[in-house]
């Protein structure tokens, strides 16, 4: 990643380097496979898990 400043000092620009883009491209199919495996293992409980995670995430701001 590369961090840039802009003319507007309130703004920061974060850019992926070529190495970062390559790493992201390599990671995407692995992430998709991991999600597929979890859905297979959890079956019908997959949506319930996502709903619970969403509800728990609301407590982060407390």
PDB file of N, CA and C in Angstrom:
ATOM      1  N   UNK A   1       0.840  -1.166   0.000  1.00  0.00           N
ATOM      2  CA  UNK A   1       0.000   0.000   0.000  1.00  0.00           C
ATOM      3  C   UNK A   1       0.889   1.234   0.000  1.00  0.00           C
ATOM      4  N   UNK A   2       0.351   2.252  -0.581  1.00  0.00           N
ATOM      5  CA  UNK A   2       1.053   3.532  -0.652  1.00  0.00           C
ATOM      6  C   UNK A   2       0.077   4.620  -0.200  1.00  0.00           C
ATOM      7  N   UNK A   3       0.543   5.501   0.657  1.00  0.00           N
ATOM      8  CA  UNK A   3      -0.283   6.585   1.175  1.00  0.00           C
ATOM      9  C   UNK A   3       0.144   7.889   0.526  1.00  0.00           C
ATOM     10  N   UNK A   4      -0.832   8.627   0.006  1.00  0.00           N
ATOM     11  CA  UNK A   4      -0.574   9.919  -0.629  1.00  0.00           C
ATOM     12  C   UNK A   4      -1.393  10.994   0.072  1.00  0.00           C
ATOM     13  N   UNK A   5      -0.916  12.188   0.034  1.00  0.00           N
ATOM     14  CA  UNK A   5      -1.726  13.314   0.471  1.00  0.00           C
ATOM     15  C   UNK A   5      -2.239  14.012  -0.781  1.00  0.00           C
ATOM     16  N   UNK A   6      -3.311  14.740  -0.613  1.00  0.00           N
ATOM     17  CA  UNK A   6      -3.874  15.462  -1.751  1.00  0.00           C
ATOM     18  C   UNK A   6      -3.786  16.958  -1.476  1.00  0.00           C
ATOM     19  N   UNK A   7      -4.258  17.734  -2.402  1.00  0.00           N
ATOM     20  CA  UNK A   7      -4.291  19.181  -2.200  1.00  0.00           C
ATOM     21  C   UNK A   7      -5.188  19.542  -1.015  1.00  0.00           C
ATOM     22  N   UNK A   8      -6.208  18.741  -0.796  1.00  0.00           N
ATOM     23  CA  UNK A   8      -7.099  18.919   0.346  1.00  0.00           C
ATOM     24  C   UNK A   8      -6.465  18.177   1.527  1.00  0.00           C
ATOM     25  N   UNK A   9      -5.932  18.886   2.477  1.00  0.00           N
ATOM     26  CA  UNK A   9      -5.172  18.270   3.570  1.00  0.00           C
ATOM     27  C   UNK A   9      -6.030  17.376   4.468  1.00  0.00           C
ATOM     28  N   UNK A  10      -7.346  17.452   4.324  1.00  0.00           N
ATOM     29  CA  UNK A  10      -8.230  16.583   5.107  1.00  0.00           C
ATOM     30  C   UNK A  10      -8.315  15.194   4.504  1.00  0.00           C
ATOM     31  N   UNK A  11      -7.823  15.035   3.326  1.00  0.00           N
ATOM     32  CA  UNK A  11      -7.988  13.800   2.568  1.00  0.00           C
ATOM     33  C   UNK A  11      -6.673  13.036   2.482  1.00  0.00           C
ATOM     34  N   UNK A  12      -6.766  11.717   2.621  1.00  0.00           N
ATOM     35  CA  UNK A  12      -5.624  10.830   2.418  1.00  0.00           C
ATOM     36  C   UNK A  12      -6.007   9.835   1.325  1.00  0.00           C
ATOM     37  N   UNK A  13      -5.085   9.548   0.451  1.00  0.00           N
ATOM     38  CA  UNK A  13      -5.330   8.604  -0.637  1.00  0.00           C
ATOM     39  C   UNK A  13      -4.485   7.365  -0.373  1.00  0.00           C
ATOM     40  N   UNK A  14      -5.140   6.225  -0.316  1.00  0.00           N
ATOM     41  CA  UNK A  14      -4.440   4.958  -0.118  1.00  0.00           C
ATOM     42  C   UNK A  14      -4.523   4.182  -1.424  1.00  0.00           C
ATOM     43  N   UNK A  15      -3.385   3.750  -1.903  1.00  0.00           N
ATOM     44  CA  UNK A  15      -3.308   3.073  -3.197  1.00  0.00           C
ATOM     45  C   UNK A  15      -2.588   1.743  -3.016  1.00  0.00           C
ATOM     46  N   UNK A  16      -3.095   0.713  -3.665  1.00  0.00           N
ATOM     47  CA  UNK A  16      -2.401  -0.567  -3.658  1.00  0.00           C
ATOM     48  C   UNK A  16      -1.235  -0.513  -4.631  1.00  0.00           C
ATOM     49  N   UNK A  17      -0.103  -1.023  -4.200  1.00  0.00           N
ATOM     50  CA  UNK A  17       1.049  -1.131  -5.090  1.00  0.00           C
ATOM     51  C   UNK A  17       0.831  -2.331  -6.010  1.00  0.00           C
ATOM     52  N   UNK A  18       1.696  -2.502  -6.976  1.00  0.00           N
ATOM     53  CA  UNK A  18       1.607  -3.659  -7.876  1.00  0.00           C
ATOM     54  C   UNK A  18       1.692  -4.955  -7.070  1.00  0.00           C
ATOM     55  N   UNK A  19       2.574  -4.975  -6.087  1.00  0.00           N
ATOM     56  CA  UNK A  19       2.711  -6.154  -5.225  1.00  0.00           C
ATOM     57  C   UNK A  19       1.421  -6.393  -4.437  1.00  0.00           C
ATOM     58  N   UNK A  20       0.803  -5.322  -3.964  1.00  0.00           N
ATOM     59  CA  UNK A  20      -0.453  -5.433  -3.235  1.00  0.00           C
ATOM     60  C   UNK A  20      -1.589  -5.932  -4.115  1.00  0.00           C
ATOM     61  N   UNK A  21      -1.658  -5.437  -5.347  1.00  0.00           N
ATOM     62  CA  UNK A  21      -2.693  -5.902  -6.286  1.00  0.00           C
ATOM     63  C   UNK A  21      -2.505  -7.384  -6.595  1.00  0.00           C
ATOM     64  N   UNK A  22      -1.256  -7.801  -6.735  1.00  0.00           N
ATOM     65  CA  UNK A  22      -0.961  -9.209  -6.996  1.00  0.00           C
ATOM     66  C   UNK A  22      -1.373 -10.077  -5.809  1.00  0.00           C
ATOM     67  N   UNK A  23      -1.063  -9.617  -4.602  1.00  0.00           N
ATOM     68  CA  UNK A  23      -1.436 -10.364  -3.400  1.00  0.00           C
ATOM     69  C   UNK A  23      -2.953 -10.465  -3.274  1.00  0.00           C
ATOM     70  N   UNK A  24      -3.656  -9.381  -3.567  1.00  0.00           N
ATOM     71  CA  UNK A  24      -5.112  -9.382  -3.503  1.00  0.00           C
ATOM     72  C   UNK A  24      -5.699 -10.348  -4.528  1.00  0.00           C
ATOM     73  N   UNK A  25      -5.157 -10.340  -5.727  1.00  0.00           N
ATOM     74  CA  UNK A  25      -5.633 -11.249  -6.774  1.00  0.00           C
ATOM     75  C   UNK A  25      -5.411 -12.703  -6.369  1.00  0.00           C
ATOM     76  N   UNK A  26      -4.305 -12.985  -5.709  1.00  0.00           N
ATOM     77  CA  UNK A  26      -4.025 -14.350  -5.247  1.00  0.00           C
ATOM     78  C   UNK A  26      -4.945 -14.754  -4.101  1.00  0.00           C
ATOM     79  N   UNK A  27      -5.296 -13.799  -3.260  1.00  0.00           N
ATOM     80  CA  UNK A  27      -6.106 -14.089  -2.075  1.00  0.00           C
ATOM     81  C   UNK A  27      -7.579 -14.289  -2.398  1.00  0.00           C
ATOM     82  N   UNK A  28      -8.087 -13.630  -3.426  1.00  0.00           N
ATOM     83  CA  UNK A  28      -9.528 -13.680  -3.723  1.00  0.00           C
ATOM     84  C   UNK A  28     -10.058 -15.101  -3.905  1.00  0.00           C
ATOM     85  N   UNK A  29      -9.436 -15.952  -4.724  1.00  0.00           N
ATOM     86  CA  UNK A  29      -9.985 -17.305  -4.866  1.00  0.00           C
ATOM     87  C   UNK A  29      -9.880 -18.119  -3.573  1.00  0.00           C
ATOM     88  N   UNK A  30      -8.850 -17.874  -2.784  1.00  0.00           N
ATOM     89  CA  UNK A  30      -8.715 -18.572  -1.505  1.00  0.00           C
ATOM     90  C   UNK A  30      -9.826 -18.153  -0.547  1.00  0.00           C
ATOM     91  N   UNK A  31     -10.152 -16.859  -0.537  1.00  0.00           N
ATOM     92  CA  UNK A  31     -11.233 -16.355   0.308  1.00  0.00           C
ATOM     93  C   UNK A  31     -12.575 -16.934  -0.141  1.00  0.00           C
ATOM     94  N   UNK A  32     -12.791 -16.990  -1.440  1.00  0.00           N
ATOM     95  CA  UNK A  32     -14.038 -17.555  -1.964  1.00  0.00           C
ATOM     96  C   UNK A  32     -14.167 -19.025  -1.570  1.00  0.00           C
ATOM     97  N   UNK A  33     -13.077 -19.771  -1.649  1.00  0.00           N
ATOM     98  CA  UNK A  33     -13.085 -21.190  -1.274  1.00  0.00           C
ATOM     99  C   UNK A  33     -13.369 -21.344   0.220  1.00  0.00           C
ATOM    100  N   UNK A  34     -12.772 -20.491   1.042  1.00  0.00           N
ATOM    101  CA  UNK A  34     -13.008 -20.553   2.489  1.00  0.00           C
ATOM    102  C   UNK A  34     -14.475 -20.278   2.807  1.00  0.00           C
ATOM    103  N   UNK A  35     -15.064 -19.309   2.138  1.00  0.00           N
ATOM    104  CA  UNK A  35     -16.477 -19.005   2.370  1.00  0.00           C
ATOM    105  C   UNK A  35     -17.364 -20.156   1.910  1.00  0.00           C
ATOM    106  N   UNK A  36     -17.028 -20.754   0.786  1.00  0.00           N
ATOM    107  CA  UNK A  36     -17.797 -21.891   0.282  1.00  0.00           C
ATOM    108  C   UNK A  36     -17.733 -23.052   1.281  1.00  0.00           C
ATOM    109  N   UNK A  37     -16.554 -23.314   1.815  1.00  0.00           N
ATOM    110  CA  UNK A  37     -16.386 -24.391   2.790  1.00  0.00           C
ATOM    111  C   UNK A  37     -17.212 -24.120   4.043  1.00  0.00           C
ATOM    112  N   UNK A  38     -17.189 -22.890   4.530  1.00  0.00           N
ATOM    113  CA  UNK A  38     -17.971 -22.558   5.719  1.00  0.00           C
ATOM    114  C   UNK A  38     -19.466 -22.723   5.459  1.00  0.00           C
ATOM    115  N   UNK A  39     -19.915 -22.315   4.288  1.00  0.00           N
ATOM    116  CA  UNK A  39     -21.344 -22.469   3.963  1.00  0.00           C
ATOM    117  C   UNK A  39     -21.725 -23.949   3.914  1.00  0.00           C
ATOM    118  N   UNK A  40     -20.821 -24.770   3.399  1.00  0.00           N
ATOM    119  CA  UNK A  40     -21.097 -26.211   3.352  1.00  0.00           C
ATOM    120  C   UNK A  40     -21.151 -26.797   4.761  1.00  0.00           C
ATOM    121  N   UNK A  41     -20.244 -26.371   5.625  1.00  0.00           N
ATOM    122  CA  UNK A  41     -20.204 -26.891   6.992  1.00  0.00           C
ATOM    123  C   UNK A  41     -21.378 -26.405   7.831  1.00  0.00           C
ATOM    124  N   UNK A  42     -21.763 -25.150   7.661  1.00  0.00           N
ATOM    125  CA  UNK A  42     -22.832 -24.574   8.477  1.00  0.00           C
ATOM    126  C   UNK A  42     -24.224 -24.864   7.934  1.00  0.00           C
ATOM    127  N   UNK A  43     -24.314 -25.086   6.641  1.00  0.00           N
ATOM    128  CA  UNK A  43     -25.611 -25.371   6.041  1.00  0.00           C
ATOM    129  C   UNK A  43     -26.615 -24.264   6.291  1.00  0.00           C
ATOM    130  N   UNK A  44     -27.775 -24.653   6.841  1.00  0.00           N
ATOM    131  CA  UNK A  44     -28.863 -23.702   7.079  1.00  0.00           C
ATOM    132  C   UNK A  44     -28.521 -22.648   8.135  1.00  0.00           C
ATOM    133  N   UNK A  45     -27.492 -22.879   8.917  1.00  0.00           N
ATOM    134  CA  UNK A  45     -27.132 -21.940   9.982  1.00  0.00           C
ATOM    135  C   UNK A  45     -26.267 -20.785   9.481  1.00  0.00           C
ATOM    136  N   UNK A  46     -25.904 -20.806   8.205  1.00  0.00           N
ATOM    137  CA  UNK A  46     -25.044 -19.758   7.651  1.00  0.00           C
ATOM    138  C   UNK A  46     -25.665 -18.379   7.823  1.00  0.00           C
ATOM    139  N   UNK A  47     -26.910 -18.224   7.417  1.00  0.00           N
ATOM    140  CA  UNK A  47     -27.573 -16.916   7.514  1.00  0.00           C
ATOM    141  C   UNK A  47     -27.715 -16.484   8.965  1.00  0.00           C
ATOM    142  N   UNK A  48     -28.012 -17.422   9.839  1.00  0.00           N
ATOM    143  CA  UNK A  48     -28.129 -17.106  11.265  1.00  0.00           C
ATOM    144  C   UNK A  48     -26.806 -16.564  11.802  1.00  0.00           C
ATOM    145  N   UNK A  49     -25.700 -17.163  11.392  1.00  0.00           N
ATOM    146  CA  UNK A  49     -24.386 -16.695  11.825  1.00  0.00           C
ATOM    147  C   UNK A  49     -24.135 -15.270  11.350  1.00  0.00           C
ATOM    148  N   UNK A  50     -24.468 -14.979  10.089  1.00  0.00           N
ATOM    149  CA  UNK A  50     -24.274 -13.628   9.567  1.00  0.00           C
ATOM    150  C   UNK A  50     -25.160 -12.615  10.291  1.00  0.00           C
ATOM    151  N   UNK A  51     -26.390 -12.998  10.591  1.00  0.00           N
ATOM    152  CA  UNK A  51     -27.285 -12.107  11.329  1.00  0.00           C
ATOM    153  C   UNK A  51     -26.742 -11.835  12.728  1.00  0.00           C
ATOM    154  N   UNK A  52     -26.245 -12.870  13.390  1.00  0.00           N
ATOM    155  CA  UNK A  52     -25.675 -12.707  14.722  1.00  0.00           C
ATOM    156  C   UNK A  52     -24.441 -11.809  14.677  1.00  0.00           C
ATOM    157  N   UNK A  53     -23.587 -12.005  13.694  1.00  0.00           N
ATOM    158  CA  UNK A  53     -22.392 -11.168  13.551  1.00  0.00           C
ATOM    159  C   UNK A  53     -22.779  -9.706  13.342  1.00  0.00           C
ATOM    160  N   UNK A  54     -23.823  -9.471  12.559  1.00  0.00           N
ATOM    161  CA  UNK A  54     -24.299  -8.106  12.324  1.00  0.00           C
ATOM    162  C   UNK A  54     -24.785  -7.478  13.622  1.00  0.00           C
ATOM    163  N   UNK A  55     -25.547  -8.232  14.395  1.00  0.00           N
ATOM    164  CA  UNK A  55     -26.054  -7.715  15.667  1.00  0.00           C
ATOM    165  C   UNK A  55     -24.914  -7.442  16.647  1.00  0.00           C
ATOM    166  N   UNK A  56     -23.960  -8.349  16.737  1.00  0.00           N
ATOM    167  CA  UNK A  56     -22.828  -8.157  17.646  1.00  0.00           C
ATOM    168  C   UNK A  56     -21.973  -6.971  17.233  1.00  0.00           C
ATOM    169  N   UNK A  57     -21.881  -6.745  15.953  1.00  0.00           N
ATOM    170  CA  UNK A  57     -21.086  -5.630  15.437  1.00  0.00           C
ATOM    171  C   UNK A  57     -21.648  -4.284  15.901  1.00  0.00           C
ATOM    172  N   UNK A  58     -22.932  -4.231  16.160  1.00  0.00           N
ATOM    173  CA  UNK A  58     -23.559  -2.993  16.627  1.00  0.00           C
ATOM    174  C   UNK A  58     -23.017  -2.566  17.990  1.00  0.00           C
ATOM    175  N   UNK A  59     -22.531  -3.515  18.778  1.00  0.00           N
ATOM    176  CA  UNK A  59     -22.017  -3.208  20.110  1.00  0.00           C
ATOM    177  C   UNK A  59     -20.623  -2.595  20.081  1.00  0.00           C
ATOM    178  N   UNK A  60     -19.961  -2.645  18.948  1.00  0.00           N
ATOM    179  CA  UNK A  60     -18.610  -2.077  18.844  1.00  0.00           C
ATOM    180  C   UNK A  60     -18.595  -0.591  19.139  1.00  0.00           C
ATOM    181  N   UNK A  61     -19.667   0.085  18.794  1.00  0.00           N
ATOM    182  CA  UNK A  61     -19.685   1.542  18.956  1.00  0.00           C
ATOM    183  C   UNK A  61     -20.122   1.986  20.352  1.00  0.00           C
ATOM    184  N   UNK A  62     -20.437   1.054  21.214  1.00  0.00           N
ATOM    185  CA  UNK A  62     -20.869   1.421  22.580  1.00  0.00           C
ATOM    186  C   UNK A  62     -19.700   1.824  23.440  1.00  0.00           C
TER     187      UNK A  62
END
